[in-house]
Amino acid sequence: MEVDKPRIISPVNWQSQAEEELEYKLRELKFRQELRKDWILFIVRDVVIFSGAIAFVFAICGYSLFILINR
């Protein structure tokens, strides 16, 4: 019967684990940055521009109604 020997973690293996962990954190950080950038683009494109377009349409309608009433 063989006795299981305790595993010895070599410095190279430990270093690769540390690099792997840093790489994982870097990927997570990049993902969060992309997500943040996507949200900023969503807010600018869909909220601000859409609201501006609706305000512009209401302004044109109001001006047209004002011109029709004052004739």
PDB file of N, CA and C in Angstrom:
ATOM      1  N   MET A   1       0.826  -1.179   0.000  1.00  0.00           N
ATOM      2  CA  MET A   1       0.000   0.000   0.000  1.00  0.00           C
ATOM      3  C   MET A   1       0.871   1.243   0.000  1.00  0.00           C
ATOM      4  N   GLU A   2       0.552   2.135  -0.906  1.00  0.00           N
ATOM      5  CA  GLU A   2       1.342   3.357  -0.967  1.00  0.00           C
ATOM      6  C   GLU A   2       0.717   4.423  -0.081  1.00  0.00           C
ATOM      7  N   VAL A   3       1.576   5.157   0.560  1.00  0.00           N
ATOM      8  CA  VAL A   3       1.112   6.253   1.407  1.00  0.00           C
ATOM      9  C   VAL A   3       1.089   7.515   0.543  1.00  0.00           C
ATOM     10  N   ASP A   4      -0.030   8.223   0.609  1.00  0.00           N
ATOM     11  CA  ASP A   4      -0.125   9.468  -0.168  1.00  0.00           C
ATOM     12  C   ASP A   4       0.815  10.504   0.411  1.00  0.00           C
ATOM     13  N   LYS A   5       1.639  11.033  -0.448  1.00  0.00           N
ATOM     14  CA  LYS A   5       2.573  12.064  -0.011  1.00  0.00           C
ATOM     15  C   LYS A   5       1.883  13.420  -0.137  1.00  0.00           C
ATOM     16  N   PRO A   6       2.161  14.316   0.776  1.00  0.00           N
ATOM     17  CA  PRO A   6       1.554  15.646   0.655  1.00  0.00           C
ATOM     18  C   PRO A   6       2.070  16.332  -0.609  1.00  0.00           C
ATOM     19  N   ARG A   7       1.179  17.035  -1.252  1.00  0.00           N
ATOM     20  CA  ARG A   7       1.563  17.718  -2.486  1.00  0.00           C
ATOM     21  C   ARG A   7       2.385  18.951  -2.147  1.00  0.00           C
ATOM     22  N   ILE A   8       3.453  19.076  -2.837  1.00  0.00           N
ATOM     23  CA  ILE A   8       4.302  20.246  -2.656  1.00  0.00           C
ATOM     24  C   ILE A   8       4.030  21.177  -3.832  1.00  0.00           C
ATOM     25  N   ILE A   9       3.613  22.391  -3.501  1.00  0.00           N
ATOM     26  CA  ILE A   9       3.320  23.367  -4.546  1.00  0.00           C
ATOM     27  C   ILE A   9       4.615  24.077  -4.892  1.00  0.00           C
ATOM     28  N   SER A  10       5.001  23.930  -6.116  1.00  0.00           N
ATOM     29  CA  SER A  10       6.241  24.573  -6.540  1.00  0.00           C
ATOM     30  C   SER A  10       5.989  26.061  -6.750  1.00  0.00           C
ATOM     31  N   PRO A  11       7.032  26.879  -6.622  1.00  0.00           N
ATOM     32  CA  PRO A  11       6.861  28.320  -6.837  1.00  0.00           C
ATOM     33  C   PRO A  11       6.342  28.644  -8.236  1.00  0.00           C
ATOM     34  N   VAL A  12       6.708  27.816  -9.210  1.00  0.00           N
ATOM     35  CA  VAL A  12       6.243  28.057 -10.577  1.00  0.00           C
ATOM     36  C   VAL A  12       4.737  27.859 -10.647  1.00  0.00           C
ATOM     37  N   ASN A  13       4.243  26.779 -10.032  1.00  0.00           N
ATOM     38  CA  ASN A  13       2.817  26.501 -10.028  1.00  0.00           C
ATOM     39  C   ASN A  13       2.065  27.592  -9.270  1.00  0.00           C
ATOM     40  N   TRP A  14       2.602  28.022  -8.140  1.00  0.00           N
ATOM     41  CA  TRP A  14       1.960  29.075  -7.347  1.00  0.00           C
ATOM     42  C   TRP A  14       1.926  30.374  -8.130  1.00  0.00           C
ATOM     43  N   GLN A  15       2.998  30.658  -8.850  1.00  0.00           N
ATOM     44  CA  GLN A  15       3.060  31.882  -9.645  1.00  0.00           C
ATOM     45  C   GLN A  15       2.031  31.827 -10.777  1.00  0.00           C
ATOM     46  N   SER A  16       1.880  30.667 -11.391  1.00  0.00           N
ATOM     47  CA  SER A  16       0.901  30.565 -12.469  1.00  0.00           C
ATOM     48  C   SER A  16      -0.516  30.722 -11.920  1.00  0.00           C
ATOM     49  N   GLN A  17      -0.758  30.240 -10.705  1.00  0.00           N
ATOM     50  CA  GLN A  17      -2.067  30.435 -10.083  1.00  0.00           C
ATOM     51  C   GLN A  17      -2.308  31.911  -9.812  1.00  0.00           C
ATOM     52  N   ALA A  18      -1.291  32.612  -9.350  1.00  0.00           N
ATOM     53  CA  ALA A  18      -1.417  34.049  -9.094  1.00  0.00           C
ATOM     54  C   ALA A  18      -1.662  34.796 -10.399  1.00  0.00           C
ATOM     55  N   GLU A  19      -0.947  34.409 -11.452  1.00  0.00           N
ATOM     56  CA  GLU A  19      -1.159  35.040 -12.758  1.00  0.00           C
ATOM     57  C   GLU A  19      -2.560  34.760 -13.275  1.00  0.00           C
ATOM     58  N   GLU A  20      -3.032  33.546 -13.050  1.00  0.00           N
ATOM     59  CA  GLU A  20      -4.375  33.176 -13.471  1.00  0.00           C
ATOM     60  C   GLU A  20      -5.414  34.023 -12.744  1.00  0.00           C
ATOM     61  N   GLU A  21      -5.201  34.218 -11.446  1.00  0.00           N
ATOM     62  CA  GLU A  21      -6.123  35.032 -10.655  1.00  0.00           C
ATOM     63  C   GLU A  21      -6.101  36.488 -11.123  1.00  0.00           C
ATOM     64  N   LEU A  22      -4.910  37.008 -11.405  1.00  0.00           N
ATOM     65  CA  LEU A  22      -4.806  38.383 -11.908  1.00  0.00           C
ATOM     66  C   LEU A  22      -5.466  38.514 -13.278  1.00  0.00           C
ATOM     67  N   GLU A  23      -5.292  37.509 -14.110  1.00  0.00           N
ATOM     68  CA  GLU A  23      -5.909  37.525 -15.432  1.00  0.00           C
ATOM     69  C   GLU A  23      -7.429  37.499 -15.318  1.00  0.00           C
ATOM     70  N   TYR A  24      -7.946  36.712 -14.371  1.00  0.00           N
ATOM     71  CA  TYR A  24      -9.389  36.656 -14.136  1.00  0.00           C
ATOM     72  C   TYR A  24      -9.906  38.022 -13.686  1.00  0.00           C
ATOM     73  N   LYS A  25      -9.175  38.656 -12.764  1.00  0.00           N
ATOM     74  CA  LYS A  25      -9.590  39.976 -12.285  1.00  0.00           C
ATOM     75  C   LYS A  25      -9.535  41.005 -13.403  1.00  0.00           C
ATOM     76  N   LEU A  26      -8.538  40.900 -14.273  1.00  0.00           N
ATOM     77  CA  LEU A  26      -8.421  41.818 -15.405  1.00  0.00           C
ATOM     78  C   LEU A  26      -9.586  41.635 -16.377  1.00  0.00           C
ATOM     79  N   ARG A  27      -9.934  40.375 -16.658  1.00  0.00           N
ATOM     80  CA  ARG A  27     -11.086  40.114 -17.536  1.00  0.00           C
ATOM     81  C   ARG A  27     -12.368  40.666 -16.927  1.00  0.00           C
ATOM     82  N   GLU A  28     -12.524  40.485 -15.613  1.00  0.00           N
ATOM     83  CA  GLU A  28     -13.713  40.997 -14.929  1.00  0.00           C
ATOM     84  C   GLU A  28     -13.763  42.524 -14.990  1.00  0.00           C
ATOM     85  N   LEU A  29     -12.620  43.166 -14.806  1.00  0.00           N
ATOM     86  CA  LEU A  29     -12.549  44.624 -14.875  1.00  0.00           C
ATOM     87  C   LEU A  29     -12.880  45.120 -16.280  1.00  0.00           C
ATOM     88  N   LYS A  30     -12.351  44.442 -17.300  1.00  0.00           N
ATOM     89  CA  LYS A  30     -12.662  44.822 -18.680  1.00  0.00           C
ATOM     90  C   LYS A  30     -14.149  44.648 -18.963  1.00  0.00           C
ATOM     91  N   PHE A  31     -14.738  43.563 -18.441  1.00  0.00           N
ATOM     92  CA  PHE A  31     -16.167  43.333 -18.627  1.00  0.00           C
ATOM     93  C   PHE A  31     -16.977  44.455 -17.993  1.00  0.00           C
ATOM     94  N   ARG A  32     -16.596  44.859 -16.784  1.00  0.00           N
ATOM     95  CA  ARG A  32     -17.317  45.949 -16.115  1.00  0.00           C
ATOM     96  C   ARG A  32     -17.173  47.257 -16.867  1.00  0.00           C
ATOM     97  N   GLN A  33     -15.991  47.520 -17.412  1.00  0.00           N
ATOM     98  CA  GLN A  33     -15.793  48.744 -18.193  1.00  0.00           C
ATOM     99  C   GLN A  33     -16.663  48.731 -19.444  1.00  0.00           C
ATOM    100  N   GLU A  34     -16.732  47.589 -20.118  1.00  0.00           N
ATOM    101  CA  GLU A  34     -17.578  47.482 -21.307  1.00  0.00           C
ATOM    102  C   GLU A  34     -19.044  47.679 -20.940  1.00  0.00           C
ATOM    103  N   LEU A  35     -19.454  47.085 -19.812  1.00  0.00           N
ATOM    104  CA  LEU A  35     -20.833  47.222 -19.364  1.00  0.00           C
ATOM    105  C   LEU A  35     -21.150  48.679 -19.051  1.00  0.00           C
ATOM    106  N   ARG A  36     -20.217  49.351 -18.377  1.00  0.00           N
ATOM    107  CA  ARG A  36     -20.403  50.766 -18.044  1.00  0.00           C
ATOM    108  C   ARG A  36     -20.479  51.598 -19.320  1.00  0.00           C
ATOM    109  N   LYS A  37     -19.612  51.291 -20.283  1.00  0.00           N
ATOM    110  CA  LYS A  37     -19.619  52.020 -21.552  1.00  0.00           C
ATOM    111  C   LYS A  37     -20.936  51.785 -22.287  1.00  0.00           C
ATOM    112  N   ASP A  38     -21.438  50.553 -22.261  1.00  0.00           N
ATOM    113  CA  ASP A  38     -22.714  50.249 -22.905  1.00  0.00           C
ATOM    114  C   ASP A  38     -23.857  51.024 -22.261  1.00  0.00           C
ATOM    115  N   TRP A  39     -23.838  51.122 -20.925  1.00  0.00           N
ATOM    116  CA  TRP A  39     -24.887  51.873 -20.234  1.00  0.00           C
ATOM    117  C   TRP A  39     -24.820  53.348 -20.571  1.00  0.00           C
ATOM    118  N   ILE A  40     -23.612  53.910 -20.639  1.00  0.00           N
ATOM    119  CA  ILE A  40     -23.465  55.327 -20.986  1.00  0.00           C
ATOM    120  C   ILE A  40     -23.973  55.569 -22.403  1.00  0.00           C
ATOM    121  N   LEU A  41     -23.615  54.698 -23.336  1.00  0.00           N
ATOM    122  CA  LEU A  41     -24.111  54.836 -24.707  1.00  0.00           C
ATOM    123  C   LEU A  41     -25.628  54.699 -24.764  1.00  0.00           C
ATOM    124  N   PHE A  42     -26.182  53.785 -23.977  1.00  0.00           N
ATOM    125  CA  PHE A  42     -27.635  53.619 -23.927  1.00  0.00           C
ATOM    126  C   PHE A  42     -28.300  54.889 -23.428  1.00  0.00           C
ATOM    127  N   ILE A  43     -27.770  55.460 -22.351  1.00  0.00           N
ATOM    128  CA  ILE A  43     -28.365  56.670 -21.791  1.00  0.00           C
ATOM    129  C   ILE A  43     -28.279  57.819 -22.784  1.00  0.00           C
ATOM    130  N   VAL A  44     -27.127  57.997 -23.395  1.00  0.00           N
ATOM    131  CA  VAL A  44     -26.965  59.105 -24.339  1.00  0.00           C
ATOM    132  C   VAL A  44     -27.844  58.901 -25.570  1.00  0.00           C
ATOM    133  N   ARG A  45     -27.780  57.735 -26.146  1.00  0.00           N
ATOM    134  CA  ARG A  45     -28.485  57.503 -27.410  1.00  0.00           C
ATOM    135  C   ARG A  45     -29.991  57.395 -27.210  1.00  0.00           C
ATOM    136  N   ASP A  46     -30.415  56.541 -26.309  1.00  0.00           N
ATOM    137  CA  ASP A  46     -31.838  56.235 -26.215  1.00  0.00           C
ATOM    138  C   ASP A  46     -32.613  57.201 -25.331  1.00  0.00           C
ATOM    139  N   VAL A  47     -32.026  57.713 -24.297  1.00  0.00           N
ATOM    140  CA  VAL A  47     -32.762  58.585 -23.385  1.00  0.00           C
ATOM    141  C   VAL A  47     -32.665  60.037 -23.826  1.00  0.00           C
ATOM    142  N   VAL A  48     -31.459  60.550 -23.982  1.00  0.00           N
ATOM    143  CA  VAL A  48     -31.280  61.966 -24.297  1.00  0.00           C
ATOM    144  C   VAL A  48     -31.777  62.285 -25.705  1.00  0.00           C
ATOM    145  N   ILE A  49     -31.361  61.521 -26.688  1.00  0.00           N
ATOM    146  CA  ILE A  49     -31.748  61.811 -28.074  1.00  0.00           C
ATOM    147  C   ILE A  49     -33.243  61.578 -28.277  1.00  0.00           C
ATOM    148  N   PHE A  50     -33.785  60.517 -27.692  1.00  0.00           N
ATOM    149  CA  PHE A  50     -35.217  60.244 -27.821  1.00  0.00           C
ATOM    150  C   PHE A  50     -36.037  61.348 -27.164  1.00  0.00           C
ATOM    151  N   SER A  51     -35.625  61.782 -25.974  1.00  0.00           N
ATOM    152  CA  SER A  51     -36.326  62.874 -25.292  1.00  0.00           C
ATOM    153  C   SER A  51     -36.227  64.165 -26.092  1.00  0.00           C
ATOM    154  N   GLY A  52     -35.061  64.438 -26.648  1.00  0.00           N
ATOM    155  CA  GLY A  52     -34.896  65.632 -27.480  1.00  0.00           C
ATOM    156  C   GLY A  52     -35.774  65.587 -28.718  1.00  0.00           C
ATOM    157  N   ALA A  53     -35.868  64.424 -29.333  1.00  0.00           N
ATOM    158  CA  ALA A  53     -36.708  64.286 -30.528  1.00  0.00           C
ATOM    159  C   ALA A  53     -38.178  64.505 -30.191  1.00  0.00           C
ATOM    160  N   ILE A  54     -38.628  63.970 -29.071  1.00  0.00           N
ATOM    161  CA  ILE A  54     -40.023  64.165 -28.662  1.00  0.00           C
ATOM    162  C   ILE A  54     -40.284  65.632 -28.338  1.00  0.00           C
ATOM    163  N   ALA A  55     -39.358  66.282 -27.638  1.00  0.00           N
ATOM    164  CA  ALA A  55     -39.512  67.708 -27.339  1.00  0.00           C
ATOM    165  C   ALA A  55     -39.557  68.519 -28.631  1.00  0.00           C
ATOM    166  N   PHE A  56     -38.736  68.172 -29.607  1.00  0.00           N
ATOM    167  CA  PHE A  56     -38.735  68.871 -30.891  1.00  0.00           C
ATOM    168  C   PHE A  56     -40.078  68.701 -31.603  1.00  0.00           C
ATOM    169  N   VAL A  57     -40.607  67.488 -31.605  1.00  0.00           N
ATOM    170  CA  VAL A  57     -41.908  67.234 -32.242  1.00  0.00           C
ATOM    171  C   VAL A  57     -42.997  68.036 -31.544  1.00  0.00           C
ATOM    172  N   PHE A  58     -42.996  68.056 -30.205  1.00  0.00           N
ATOM    173  CA  PHE A  58     -43.991  68.841 -29.476  1.00  0.00           C
ATOM    174  C   PHE A  58     -43.840  70.330 -29.767  1.00  0.00           C
ATOM    175  N   ALA A  59     -42.615  70.804 -29.895  1.00  0.00           N
ATOM    176  CA  ALA A  59     -42.393  72.220 -30.209  1.00  0.00           C
ATOM    177  C   ALA A  59     -42.945  72.554 -31.590  1.00  0.00           C
ATOM    178  N   ILE A  60     -42.710  71.704 -32.563  1.00  0.00           N
ATOM    179  CA  ILE A  60     -43.235  71.931 -33.914  1.00  0.00           C
ATOM    180  C   ILE A  60     -44.762  71.896 -33.904  1.00  0.00           C
ATOM    181  N   CYS A  61     -45.339  70.922 -33.192  1.00  0.00           N
ATOM    182  CA  CYS A  61     -46.803  70.835 -33.108  1.00  0.00           C
ATOM    183  C   CYS A  61     -47.379  72.069 -32.415  1.00  0.00           C
ATOM    184  N   GLY A  62     -46.750  72.490 -31.342  1.00  0.00           N
ATOM    185  CA  GLY A  62     -47.215  73.681 -30.628  1.00  0.00           C
ATOM    186  C   GLY A  62     -47.126  74.922 -31.488  1.00  0.00           C
ATOM    187  N   TYR A  63     -46.041  75.060 -32.214  1.00  0.00           N
ATOM    188  CA  TYR A  63     -45.883  76.221 -33.102  1.00  0.00           C
ATOM    189  C   TYR A  63     -46.946  76.202 -34.205  1.00  0.00           C
ATOM    190  N   SER A  64     -47.188  75.029 -34.781  1.00  0.00           N
ATOM    191  CA  SER A  64     -48.212  74.914 -35.827  1.00  0.00           C
ATOM    192  C   SER A  64     -49.590  75.250 -35.275  1.00  0.00           C
ATOM    193  N   LEU A  65     -49.901  74.753 -34.098  1.00  0.00           N
ATOM    194  CA  LEU A  65     -51.186  75.048 -33.461  1.00  0.00           C
ATOM    195  C   LEU A  65     -51.306  76.535 -33.156  1.00  0.00           C
ATOM    196  N   PHE A  66     -50.240  77.144 -32.683  1.00  0.00           N
ATOM    197  CA  PHE A  66     -50.224  78.580 -32.391  1.00  0.00           C
ATOM    198  C   PHE A  66     -50.476  79.392 -33.659  1.00  0.00           C
ATOM    199  N   ILE A  67     -49.854  79.020 -34.759  1.00  0.00           N
ATOM    200  CA  ILE A  67     -50.044  79.720 -36.035  1.00  0.00           C
ATOM    201  C   ILE A  67     -51.490  79.556 -36.514  1.00  0.00           C
ATOM    202  N   LEU A  68     -52.057  78.355 -36.391  1.00  0.00           N
ATOM    203  CA  LEU A  68     -53.438  78.122 -36.828  1.00  0.00           C
ATOM    204  C   LEU A  68     -54.438  78.910 -35.992  1.00  0.00           C
ATOM    205  N   ILE A  69     -54.206  79.004 -34.688  1.00  0.00           N
ATOM    206  CA  ILE A  69     -55.133  79.717 -33.810  1.00  0.00           C
ATOM    207  C   ILE A  69     -55.082  81.218 -34.079  1.00  0.00           C
ATOM    208  N   ASN A  70     -53.924  81.767 -34.341  1.00  0.00           N
ATOM    209  CA  ASN A  70     -53.777  83.215 -34.511  1.00  0.00           C
ATOM    210  C   ASN A  70     -54.176  83.706 -35.899  1.00  0.00           C
ATOM    211  N   ARG A  71     -54.609  82.883 -36.805  1.00  0.00           N
ATOM    212  CA  ARG A  71     -55.034  83.345 -38.137  1.00  0.00           C
ATOM    213  C   ARG A  71     -56.410  83.875 -38.113  1.00  0.00           C
TER     214      ARG A  71
END
